[in-house]
Amino acid sequence: MMRSPRSLVGGSPAAAHEITFDGRELPALPGQSIAAVLWGAGILAWRTTREGGAPRGAFCGIGSCFDCLVTVNGRPNQRACLVPARPGDTVTTQEGTGRADLAV
C-alpha cells in the first residue's frame, strides 16, 4: 500500500468557493491567495501603473513589492499575493493609485 501525506494525517481538502474578478466568477480553494486564484484562471495582469497605464501582476510573490495591487471588496491597494481569497470576495483591476474617487 502506497502511503501519502494525506493518507497519514487523514486530511481532505475543504470545499472550493468562488470569488469574482472584474465580473467573472473564478473558482478558489481554501488557503489560496488572490494572486494564486488569478494565475490559476490564466490572468497574469490585474493592475495598471499610475503613469502610462502599463499592465502589472505578480512580480516577487512574497509581499515585498507592490506590483500585484488589486481592489478587494472596494478596498484599494491590497497585495494579491498576500490576501487570502475568501468566499464571495469581489476583486477588481486596480487602475493607477486605486484612488480615482479622491481625484481633485
Protein backbone atom coordinates (compact mmCIF):
# COMPACT_ATOMS: atom_id res chain seq x y z
CA MET A 1 0.00 0.00 0.00
CA MET A 2 1.34 3.40 -1.00
CA ARG A 3 1.36 5.96 1.77
CA SER A 4 0.89 9.64 1.11
CA PRO A 5 0.93 12.62 3.45
CA ARG A 6 -2.85 12.86 3.11
CA SER A 7 -3.37 9.20 4.00
CA LEU A 8 -1.11 9.55 7.03
CA VAL A 9 -2.98 12.51 8.53
CA GLY A 10 -6.43 11.65 7.20
CA GLY A 11 -6.95 15.11 5.78
CA SER A 12 -9.10 16.06 2.87
CA PRO A 13 -9.37 19.35 1.03
CA ALA A 14 -12.12 21.74 2.03
CA ALA A 15 -14.78 22.65 -0.50
CA ALA A 16 -13.93 25.14 -3.22
CA HIS A 17 -15.65 28.51 -3.33
CA GLU A 18 -15.88 31.39 -5.80
CA ILE A 19 -14.61 34.92 -5.99
CA THR A 20 -15.47 37.50 -8.63
CA PHE A 21 -12.77 39.24 -10.65
CA ASP A 22 -13.92 42.10 -12.88
CA GLY A 23 -17.36 40.47 -13.08
CA ARG A 24 -16.04 36.98 -13.85
CA GLU A 25 -16.66 34.12 -11.39
CA LEU A 26 -13.46 32.22 -10.56
CA PRO A 27 -13.02 29.03 -8.52
CA ALA A 28 -10.86 29.31 -5.42
CA LEU A 29 -9.58 26.78 -2.92
CA PRO A 30 -9.35 27.47 0.81
CA GLY A 31 -5.96 28.98 1.62
CA GLN A 32 -5.22 30.26 -1.88
CA SER A 33 -4.11 33.84 -2.25
CA ILE A 34 -5.97 36.08 -4.68
CA ALA A 35 -2.87 36.03 -6.91
CA ALA A 36 -2.94 32.20 -7.00
CA VAL A 37 -6.61 32.22 -7.99
CA LEU A 38 -5.94 34.73 -10.77
CA TRP A 39 -2.91 32.78 -12.03
CA GLY A 40 -4.96 29.59 -11.99
CA ALA A 41 -7.51 31.28 -14.23
CA GLY A 42 -4.79 32.40 -16.67
CA ILE A 43 -4.97 36.05 -15.59
CA LEU A 44 -1.46 37.50 -15.43
CA ALA A 45 -2.10 41.25 -15.06
CA TRP A 46 -4.54 42.95 -12.69
CA ARG A 47 -3.17 46.43 -12.12
CA THR A 48 -2.10 49.36 -14.27
CA THR A 49 0.66 51.80 -13.42
CA ARG A 50 -0.03 55.41 -12.42
CA GLU A 51 1.88 56.79 -15.36
CA GLY A 52 1.37 55.18 -18.72
CA GLY A 53 -1.20 52.57 -17.68
CA ALA A 54 1.21 49.65 -18.14
CA PRO A 55 -0.16 46.26 -17.01
CA ARG A 56 1.23 44.65 -13.87
CA GLY A 57 0.65 41.40 -11.99
CA ALA A 58 2.73 39.43 -9.51
CA PHE A 59 6.44 40.11 -9.52
CA CYS A 60 8.00 38.95 -6.25
CA GLY A 61 5.09 36.86 -4.95
CA ILE A 62 6.09 37.41 -1.31
CA GLY A 63 4.71 40.87 -0.50
CA SER A 64 7.97 42.83 -0.90
CA CYS A 65 6.97 44.78 -3.99
CA PHE A 66 3.70 46.44 -4.93
CA ASP A 67 3.16 45.16 -8.47
CA CYS A 68 0.25 42.89 -7.55
CA LEU A 69 -2.10 45.51 -6.08
CA VAL A 70 -5.84 44.92 -6.53
CA THR A 71 -9.04 46.34 -5.12
CA VAL A 72 -10.79 43.82 -2.85
CA ASN A 73 -14.37 44.46 -1.79
CA GLY A 74 -13.96 48.16 -2.63
CA ARG A 75 -10.69 48.50 -0.70
CA PRO A 76 -7.77 49.52 -2.98
CA ASN A 77 -4.06 48.74 -2.67
CA GLN A 78 -4.37 45.15 -1.45
CA ARG A 79 -1.42 42.89 -2.30
CA ALA A 80 -2.94 39.95 -4.19
CA CYS A 81 -0.03 37.68 -3.25
CA LEU A 82 -0.75 38.12 0.48
CA VAL A 83 -4.54 38.42 0.70
CA PRO A 84 -6.37 35.10 1.03
CA ALA A 85 -9.29 34.60 -1.33
CA ARG A 86 -12.45 34.43 0.76
CA PRO A 87 -15.85 33.18 -0.41
CA GLY A 88 -17.75 35.92 -2.19
CA ASP A 89 -14.83 38.37 -2.49
CA THR A 90 -15.20 40.94 -5.24
CA VAL A 91 -11.82 41.73 -6.76
CA THR A 92 -11.30 44.37 -9.43
CA THR A 93 -8.39 45.55 -11.53
CA GLN A 94 -6.69 48.48 -9.84
CA GLU A 95 -6.04 51.43 -12.11
CA GLY A 96 -3.24 53.80 -11.11
CA THR A 97 -3.33 54.55 -7.39
CA GLY A 98 -6.73 52.93 -6.88
CA ARG A 99 -7.98 56.25 -5.52
CA ALA A 100 -9.77 57.72 -8.55
CA ASP A 101 -12.66 58.70 -6.28
CA LEU A 102 -10.29 61.07 -4.43
CA ALA A 103 -9.10 62.88 -7.57
CA VAL A 104 -9.41 66.65 -7.44
